[in-house]
Amino acid sequence: PLVRFSVGSEPEAPHDSADADFVLNQIRKTLG
């Protein structure tokens, strides 16, 4: 109920927001 996942051919996030750096860093760190 808190998070929804889907796969598509286009990204739903149009751009990176100014305060999203901590999220991007966490994803890249987990993926390696």
PDB file of all heavy atoms in Angstrom:
ATOM      1  N   PRO A   1       0.804  -1.233   0.000  1.00  0.00           N
ATOM      2  CA  PRO A   1       0.000   0.000   0.000  1.00  0.00           C
ATOM      3  C   PRO A   1       0.830   1.273   0.000  1.00  0.00           C
ATOM      4  O   PRO A   1       0.346   2.334  -0.399  1.00  0.00           O
ATOM      5  CB  PRO A   1      -0.820  -0.121   1.295  1.00  0.00           C
ATOM      6  CG  PRO A   1      -0.899  -1.592   1.554  1.00  0.00           C
ATOM      7  CD  PRO A   1       0.419  -2.142   1.088  1.00  0.00           C
ATOM      8  N   LEU A   2       2.086   1.165   0.411  1.00  0.00           N
ATOM      9  CA  LEU A   2       2.924   2.361   0.475  1.00  0.00           C
ATOM     10  C   LEU A   2       3.769   2.544  -0.776  1.00  0.00           C
ATOM     11  O   LEU A   2       4.168   3.662  -1.087  1.00  0.00           O
ATOM     12  CB  LEU A   2       3.857   2.278   1.694  1.00  0.00           C
ATOM     13  CG  LEU A   2       3.163   2.265   3.069  1.00  0.00           C
ATOM     14  CD1 LEU A   2       4.205   2.119   4.173  1.00  0.00           C
ATOM     15  CD2 LEU A   2       2.357   3.530   3.266  1.00  0.00           C
ATOM     16  N   VAL A   3       4.092   1.467  -1.481  1.00  0.00           N
ATOM     17  CA  VAL A   3       4.983   1.545  -2.640  1.00  0.00           C
ATOM     18  C   VAL A   3       4.373   0.708  -3.773  1.00  0.00           C
ATOM     19  O   VAL A   3       3.929  -0.416  -3.560  1.00  0.00           O
ATOM     20  CB  VAL A   3       6.400   1.024  -2.303  1.00  0.00           C
ATOM     21  CG1 VAL A   3       7.335   1.231  -3.498  1.00  0.00           C
ATOM     22  CG2 VAL A   3       6.950   1.694  -1.046  1.00  0.00           C
ATOM     23  N   ARG A   4       4.380   1.294  -5.009  1.00  0.00           N
ATOM     24  CA  ARG A   4       3.864   0.584  -6.181  1.00  0.00           C
ATOM     25  C   ARG A   4       4.981   0.443  -7.205  1.00  0.00           C
ATOM     26  O   ARG A   4       5.676   1.421  -7.525  1.00  0.00           O
ATOM     27  CB  ARG A   4       2.698   1.352  -6.797  1.00  0.00           C
ATOM     28  CG  ARG A   4       2.059   0.630  -8.012  1.00  0.00           C
ATOM     29  CD  ARG A   4       0.874   1.425  -8.520  1.00  0.00           C
ATOM     30  NE  ARG A   4       1.269   2.711  -9.058  1.00  0.00           N
ATOM     31  CZ  ARG A   4       1.695   2.899 -10.315  1.00  0.00           C
ATOM     32  NH1 ARG A   4       1.785   1.885 -11.134  1.00  0.00           N
ATOM     33  NH2 ARG A   4       2.013   4.110 -10.722  1.00  0.00           N
ATOM     34  N   PHE A   5       5.158  -0.784  -7.737  1.00  0.00           N
ATOM     35  CA  PHE A   5       6.195  -1.073  -8.721  1.00  0.00           C
ATOM     36  C   PHE A   5       5.536  -1.419 -10.061  1.00  0.00           C
ATOM     37  O   PHE A   5       4.509  -2.100 -10.106  1.00  0.00           O
ATOM     38  CB  PHE A   5       7.063  -2.264  -8.273  1.00  0.00           C
ATOM     39  CG  PHE A   5       7.894  -1.985  -7.061  1.00  0.00           C
ATOM     40  CD1 PHE A   5       7.358  -2.138  -5.776  1.00  0.00           C
ATOM     41  CD2 PHE A   5       9.199  -1.571  -7.195  1.00  0.00           C
ATOM     42  CE1 PHE A   5       8.128  -1.893  -4.669  1.00  0.00           C
ATOM     43  CE2 PHE A   5       9.982  -1.316  -6.069  1.00  0.00           C
ATOM     44  CZ  PHE A   5       9.434  -1.474  -4.804  1.00  0.00           C
ATOM     45  N   SER A   6       6.165  -0.965 -11.132  1.00  0.00           N
ATOM     46  CA  SER A   6       5.701  -1.296 -12.491  1.00  0.00           C
ATOM     47  C   SER A   6       6.884  -1.216 -13.434  1.00  0.00           C
ATOM     48  O   SER A   6       7.884  -0.547 -13.152  1.00  0.00           O
ATOM     49  CB  SER A   6       4.585  -0.355 -12.945  1.00  0.00           C
ATOM     50  OG  SER A   6       5.064   0.982 -13.049  1.00  0.00           O
ATOM     51  N   VAL A   7       6.742  -1.937 -14.576  1.00  0.00           N
ATOM     52  CA  VAL A   7       7.788  -1.929 -15.614  1.00  0.00           C
ATOM     53  C   VAL A   7       7.174  -1.368 -16.877  1.00  0.00           C
ATOM     54  O   VAL A   7       6.069  -1.758 -17.285  1.00  0.00           O
ATOM     55  CB  VAL A   7       8.351  -3.339 -15.846  1.00  0.00           C
ATOM     56  CG1 VAL A   7       9.357  -3.334 -17.005  1.00  0.00           C
ATOM     57  CG2 VAL A   7       9.012  -3.870 -14.579  1.00  0.00           C
ATOM     58  N   GLY A   8       7.871  -0.433 -17.505  1.00  0.00           N
ATOM     59  CA  GLY A   8       7.384   0.171 -18.723  1.00  0.00           C
ATOM     60  C   GLY A   8       8.524   0.561 -19.627  1.00  0.00           C
ATOM     61  O   GLY A   8       9.703   0.508 -19.243  1.00  0.00           O
ATOM     62  N   SER A   9       8.152   0.955 -20.839  1.00  0.00           N
ATOM     63  CA  SER A   9       9.194   1.354 -21.804  1.00  0.00           C
ATOM     64  C   SER A   9       9.652   2.782 -21.602  1.00  0.00           C
ATOM     65  O   SER A   9      10.697   3.176 -22.137  1.00  0.00           O
ATOM     66  CB  SER A   9       8.650   1.169 -23.237  1.00  0.00           C
ATOM     67  OG  SER A   9       7.484   1.983 -23.414  1.00  0.00           O
ATOM     68  N   GLU A  10       8.896   3.601 -20.828  1.00  0.00           N
ATOM     69  CA  GLU A  10       9.250   4.997 -20.604  1.00  0.00           C
ATOM     70  C   GLU A  10       9.361   5.261 -19.095  1.00  0.00           C
ATOM     71  O   GLU A  10       8.614   4.707 -18.294  1.00  0.00           O
ATOM     72  CB  GLU A  10       8.196   5.930 -21.209  1.00  0.00           C
ATOM     73  CG  GLU A  10       8.068   5.832 -22.708  1.00  0.00           C
ATOM     74  CD  GLU A  10       9.310   6.313 -23.430  1.00  0.00           C
ATOM     75  OE1 GLU A  10      10.050   7.149 -22.848  1.00  0.00           O
ATOM     76  OE2 GLU A  10       9.561   5.857 -24.552  1.00  0.00           O
ATOM     77  N   PRO A  11      10.291   6.151 -18.730  1.00  0.00           N
ATOM     78  CA  PRO A  11      10.417   6.485 -17.301  1.00  0.00           C
ATOM     79  C   PRO A  11       9.275   7.412 -16.854  1.00  0.00           C
ATOM     80  O   PRO A  11       8.901   8.341 -17.564  1.00  0.00           O
ATOM     81  CB  PRO A  11      11.771   7.185 -17.217  1.00  0.00           C
ATOM     82  CG  PRO A  11      11.977   7.779 -18.568  1.00  0.00           C
ATOM     83  CD  PRO A  11      11.335   6.829 -19.546  1.00  0.00           C
ATOM     84  N   GLU A  12       8.712   7.138 -15.684  1.00  0.00           N
ATOM     85  CA  GLU A  12       7.668   8.016 -15.153  1.00  0.00           C
ATOM     86  C   GLU A  12       8.259   9.228 -14.427  1.00  0.00           C
ATOM     87  O   GLU A  12       7.553  10.215 -14.223  1.00  0.00           O
ATOM     88  CB  GLU A  12       6.783   7.213 -14.192  1.00  0.00           C
ATOM     89  CG  GLU A  12       5.954   6.143 -14.872  1.00  0.00           C
ATOM     90  CD  GLU A  12       5.037   5.426 -13.895  1.00  0.00           C
ATOM     91  OE1 GLU A  12       5.025   5.829 -12.691  1.00  0.00           O
ATOM     92  OE2 GLU A  12       4.323   4.489 -14.298  1.00  0.00           O
ATOM     93  N   ALA A  13       9.496   9.152 -14.014  1.00  0.00           N
ATOM     94  CA  ALA A  13      10.168  10.305 -13.395  1.00  0.00           C
ATOM     95  C   ALA A  13      10.765  11.155 -14.492  1.00  0.00           C
ATOM     96  O   ALA A  13      11.731  10.736 -15.143  1.00  0.00           O
ATOM     97  CB  ALA A  13      11.254   9.836 -12.425  1.00  0.00           C
ATOM     98  N   PRO A  14      10.228  12.336 -14.787  1.00  0.00           N
ATOM     99  CA  PRO A  14      10.701  13.113 -15.932  1.00  0.00           C
ATOM    100  C   PRO A  14      12.091  13.693 -15.724  1.00  0.00           C
ATOM    101  O   PRO A  14      12.833  13.890 -16.677  1.00  0.00           O
ATOM    102  CB  PRO A  14       9.648  14.213 -16.053  1.00  0.00           C
ATOM    103  CG  PRO A  14       9.095  14.361 -14.669  1.00  0.00           C
ATOM    104  CD  PRO A  14       9.141  12.992 -14.046  1.00  0.00           C
ATOM    105  N   HIS A  15      12.441  13.979 -14.473  1.00  0.00           N
ATOM    106  CA  HIS A  15      13.739  14.625 -14.212  1.00  0.00           C
ATOM    107  C   HIS A  15      14.101  14.383 -12.757  1.00  0.00           C
ATOM    108  O   HIS A  15      13.288  13.892 -11.954  1.00  0.00           O
ATOM    109  CB  HIS A  15      13.679  16.131 -14.513  1.00  0.00           C
ATOM    110  CG  HIS A  15      12.562  16.821 -13.774  1.00  0.00           C
ATOM    111  ND1 HIS A  15      12.639  17.145 -12.446  1.00  0.00           N
ATOM    112  CD2 HIS A  15      11.318  17.198 -14.190  1.00  0.00           C
ATOM    113  CE1 HIS A  15      11.517  17.734 -12.065  1.00  0.00           C
ATOM    114  NE2 HIS A  15      10.693  17.760 -13.107  1.00  0.00           N
ATOM    115  N   ASP A  16      15.322  14.750 -12.424  1.00  0.00           N
ATOM    116  CA  ASP A  16      15.784  14.632 -11.039  1.00  0.00           C
ATOM    117  C   ASP A  16      15.467  15.926 -10.297  1.00  0.00           C
ATOM    118  O   ASP A  16      15.802  17.029 -10.759  1.00  0.00           O
ATOM    119  CB  ASP A  16      17.291  14.376 -10.994  1.00  0.00           C
ATOM    120  CG  ASP A  16      17.645  13.015 -11.604  1.00  0.00           C
ATOM    121  OD1 ASP A  16      16.752  12.146 -11.614  1.00  0.00           O
ATOM    122  OD2 ASP A  16      18.780  12.861 -12.061  1.00  0.00           O
ATOM    123  N   SER A  17      14.836  15.821  -9.132  1.00  0.00           N
ATOM    124  CA  SER A  17      14.568  17.013  -8.314  1.00  0.00           C
ATOM    125  C   SER A  17      15.801  17.367  -7.486  1.00  0.00           C
ATOM    126  O   SER A  17      16.718  16.564  -7.308  1.00  0.00           O
ATOM    127  CB  SER A  17      13.367  16.772  -7.397  1.00  0.00           C
ATOM    128  OG  SER A  17      13.599  15.646  -6.566  1.00  0.00           O
ATOM    129  N   ALA A  18      15.777  18.616  -6.948  1.00  0.00           N
ATOM    130  CA  ALA A  18      16.980  19.129  -6.285  1.00  0.00           C
ATOM    131  C   ALA A  18      17.326  18.362  -5.016  1.00  0.00           C
ATOM    132  O   ALA A  18      18.500  18.234  -4.660  1.00  0.00           O
ATOM    133  CB  ALA A  18      16.784  20.617  -5.960  1.00  0.00           C
ATOM    134  N   ASP A  19      16.305  17.855  -4.280  1.00  0.00           N
ATOM    135  CA  ASP A  19      16.577  17.199  -2.999  1.00  0.00           C
ATOM    136  C   ASP A  19      16.517  15.683  -3.115  1.00  0.00           C
ATOM    137  O   ASP A  19      16.198  14.986  -2.152  1.00  0.00           O
ATOM    138  CB  ASP A  19      15.592  17.670  -1.933  1.00  0.00           C
ATOM    139  CG  ASP A  19      14.145  17.446  -2.361  1.00  0.00           C
ATOM    140  OD1 ASP A  19      13.949  17.113  -3.536  1.00  0.00           O
ATOM    141  OD2 ASP A  19      13.241  17.613  -1.519  1.00  0.00           O
ATOM    142  N   ALA A  20      16.810  15.137  -4.308  1.00  0.00           N
ATOM    143  CA  ALA A  20      16.751  13.676  -4.506  1.00  0.00           C
ATOM    144  C   ALA A  20      18.128  13.046  -4.602  1.00  0.00           C
ATOM    145  O   ALA A  20      18.247  11.859  -4.911  1.00  0.00           O
ATOM    146  CB  ALA A  20      15.952  13.353  -5.759  1.00  0.00           C
ATOM    147  N   ASP A  21      19.183  13.803  -4.339  1.00  0.00           N
ATOM    148  CA  ASP A  21      20.532  13.245  -4.476  1.00  0.00           C
ATOM    149  C   ASP A  21      20.760  12.082  -3.530  1.00  0.00           C
ATOM    150  O   ASP A  21      21.431  11.100  -3.888  1.00  0.00           O
ATOM    151  CB  ASP A  21      21.574  14.339  -4.220  1.00  0.00           C
ATOM    152  CG  ASP A  21      21.584  15.379  -5.341  1.00  0.00           C
ATOM    153  OD1 ASP A  21      21.063  15.056  -6.423  1.00  0.00           O
ATOM    154  OD2 ASP A  21      22.092  16.491  -5.117  1.00  0.00           O
ATOM    155  N   PHE A  22      20.229  12.197  -2.295  1.00  0.00           N
ATOM    156  CA  PHE A  22      20.461  11.114  -1.337  1.00  0.00           C
ATOM    157  C   PHE A  22      19.816   9.806  -1.806  1.00  0.00           C
ATOM    158  O   PHE A  22      20.322   8.711  -1.547  1.00  0.00           O
ATOM    159  CB  PHE A  22      19.928  11.528   0.042  1.00  0.00           C
ATOM    160  CG  PHE A  22      18.430  11.612   0.126  1.00  0.00           C
ATOM    161  CD1 PHE A  22      17.681  10.553   0.634  1.00  0.00           C
ATOM    162  CD2 PHE A  22      17.749  12.744  -0.314  1.00  0.00           C
ATOM    163  CE1 PHE A  22      16.312  10.633   0.718  1.00  0.00           C
ATOM    164  CE2 PHE A  22      16.378  12.818  -0.236  1.00  0.00           C
ATOM    165  CZ  PHE A  22      15.646  11.762   0.276  1.00  0.00           C
ATOM    166  N   VAL A  23      18.693   9.892  -2.537  1.00  0.00           N
ATOM    167  CA  VAL A  23      18.031   8.695  -3.058  1.00  0.00           C
ATOM    168  C   VAL A  23      18.847   8.077  -4.195  1.00  0.00           C
ATOM    169  O   VAL A  23      19.061   6.848  -4.259  1.00  0.00           O
ATOM    170  CB  VAL A  23      16.606   9.023  -3.526  1.00  0.00           C
ATOM    171  CG1 VAL A  23      15.953   7.802  -4.168  1.00  0.00           C
ATOM    172  CG2 VAL A  23      15.775   9.515  -2.346  1.00  0.00           C
ATOM    173  N   LEU A  24      19.301   8.922  -5.115  1.00  0.00           N
ATOM    174  CA  LEU A  24      20.108   8.439  -6.237  1.00  0.00           C
ATOM    175  C   LEU A  24      21.389   7.770  -5.751  1.00  0.00           C
ATOM    176  O   LEU A  24      21.777   6.697  -6.265  1.00  0.00           O
ATOM    177  CB  LEU A  24      20.440   9.599  -7.179  1.00  0.00           C
ATOM    178  CG  LEU A  24      19.229  10.305  -7.821  1.00  0.00           C
ATOM    179  CD1 LEU A  24      19.687  11.504  -8.625  1.00  0.00           C
ATOM    180  CD2 LEU A  24      18.476   9.326  -8.718  1.00  0.00           C
ATOM    181  N   ASN A  25      22.039   8.397  -4.774  1.00  0.00           N
ATOM    182  CA  ASN A  25      23.283   7.818  -4.260  1.00  0.00           C
ATOM    183  C   ASN A  25      23.031   6.458  -3.603  1.00  0.00           C
ATOM    184  O   ASN A  25      23.844   5.526  -3.736  1.00  0.00           O
ATOM    185  CB  ASN A  25      23.943   8.772  -3.266  1.00  0.00           C
ATOM    186  CG  ASN A  25      24.425  10.051  -3.936  1.00  0.00           C
ATOM    187  OD1 ASN A  25      24.738  10.041  -5.135  1.00  0.00           O
ATOM    188  ND2 ASN A  25      24.495  11.131  -3.187  1.00  0.00           N
ATOM    189  N   GLN A  26      21.901   6.358  -2.867  1.00  0.00           N
ATOM    190  CA  GLN A  26      21.591   5.093  -2.213  1.00  0.00           C
ATOM    191  C   GLN A  26      21.335   3.978  -3.233  1.00  0.00           C
ATOM    192  O   GLN A  26      21.791   2.832  -3.063  1.00  0.00           O
ATOM    193  CB  GLN A  26      20.359   5.274  -1.303  1.00  0.00           C
ATOM    194  CG  GLN A  26      19.896   4.010  -0.596  1.00  0.00           C
ATOM    195  CD  GLN A  26      20.904   3.499   0.430  1.00  0.00           C
ATOM    196  OE1 GLN A  26      21.751   4.257   0.889  1.00  0.00           O
ATOM    197  NE2 GLN A  26      20.821   2.215   0.746  1.00  0.00           N
ATOM    198  N   ILE A  27      20.605   4.277  -4.341  1.00  0.00           N
ATOM    199  CA  ILE A  27      20.310   3.271  -5.364  1.00  0.00           C
ATOM    200  C   ILE A  27      21.582   2.821  -6.053  1.00  0.00           C
ATOM    201  O   ILE A  27      21.828   1.598  -6.231  1.00  0.00           O
ATOM    202  CB  ILE A  27      19.303   3.833  -6.379  1.00  0.00           C
ATOM    203  CG1 ILE A  27      17.950   4.070  -5.690  1.00  0.00           C
ATOM    204  CG2 ILE A  27      19.144   2.891  -7.574  1.00  0.00           C
ATOM    205  CD1 ILE A  27      16.932   4.761  -6.578  1.00  0.00           C
ATOM    206  N   ARG A  28      22.443   3.753  -6.468  1.00  0.00           N
ATOM    207  CA  ARG A  28      23.673   3.386  -7.170  1.00  0.00           C
ATOM    208  C   ARG A  28      24.606   2.603  -6.252  1.00  0.00           C
ATOM    209  O   ARG A  28      25.326   1.701  -6.685  1.00  0.00           O
ATOM    210  CB  ARG A  28      24.352   4.643  -7.694  1.00  0.00           C
ATOM    211  CG  ARG A  28      23.569   5.339  -8.810  1.00  0.00           C
ATOM    212  CD  ARG A  28      24.399   6.410  -9.492  1.00  0.00           C
ATOM    213  NE  ARG A  28      23.694   6.985 -10.630  1.00  0.00           N
ATOM    214  CZ  ARG A  28      23.046   8.140 -10.606  1.00  0.00           C
ATOM    215  NH1 ARG A  28      23.031   8.870  -9.478  1.00  0.00           N
ATOM    216  NH2 ARG A  28      22.438   8.601 -11.683  1.00  0.00           N
ATOM    217  N   LYS A  29      24.594   2.965  -4.959  1.00  0.00           N
ATOM    218  CA  LYS A  29      25.454   2.248  -4.011  1.00  0.00           C
ATOM    219  C   LYS A  29      24.973   0.814  -3.832  1.00  0.00           C
ATOM    220  O   LYS A  29      25.795  -0.129  -3.775  1.00  0.00           O
ATOM    221  CB  LYS A  29      25.443   2.985  -2.686  1.00  0.00           C
ATOM    222  CG  LYS A  29      26.297   2.322  -1.618  1.00  0.00           C
ATOM    223  CD  LYS A  29      26.252   3.127  -0.322  1.00  0.00           C
ATOM    224  CE  LYS A  29      27.078   2.430   0.764  1.00  0.00           C
ATOM    225  NZ  LYS A  29      27.037   3.175   2.047  1.00  0.00           N
ATOM    226  N   THR A  30      23.655   0.616  -3.781  1.00  0.00           N
ATOM    227  CA  THR A  30      23.108  -0.741  -3.620  1.00  0.00           C
ATOM    228  C   THR A  30      23.353  -1.577  -4.873  1.00  0.00           C
ATOM    229  O   THR A  30      23.699  -2.767  -4.803  1.00  0.00           O
ATOM    230  CB  THR A  30      21.610  -0.672  -3.312  1.00  0.00           C
ATOM    231  OG1 THR A  30      21.410   0.117  -2.145  1.00  0.00           O
ATOM    232  CG2 THR A  30      21.040  -2.066  -3.071  1.00  0.00           C
ATOM    233  N   LEU A  31      23.167  -0.947  -6.054  1.00  0.00           N
ATOM    234  CA  LEU A  31      23.364  -1.681  -7.304  1.00  0.00           C
ATOM    235  C   LEU A  31      24.831  -1.931  -7.595  1.00  0.00           C
ATOM    236  O   LEU A  31      25.187  -2.894  -8.294  1.00  0.00           O
ATOM    237  CB  LEU A  31      22.728  -0.905  -8.471  1.00  0.00           C
ATOM    238  CG  LEU A  31      21.204  -0.772  -8.455  1.00  0.00           C
ATOM    239  CD1 LEU A  31      20.743   0.109  -9.604  1.00  0.00           C
ATOM    240  CD2 LEU A  31      20.543  -2.149  -8.544  1.00  0.00           C
ATOM    241  N   GLY A  32      25.709  -1.107  -7.074  1.00  0.00           N
ATOM    242  CA  GLY A  32      27.130  -1.245  -7.373  1.00  0.00           C
ATOM    243  C   GLY A  32      27.458  -0.846  -8.789  1.00  0.00           C
ATOM    244  O   GLY A  32      28.500  -1.284  -9.317  1.00  0.00           O
TER     245      GLY A  32
END
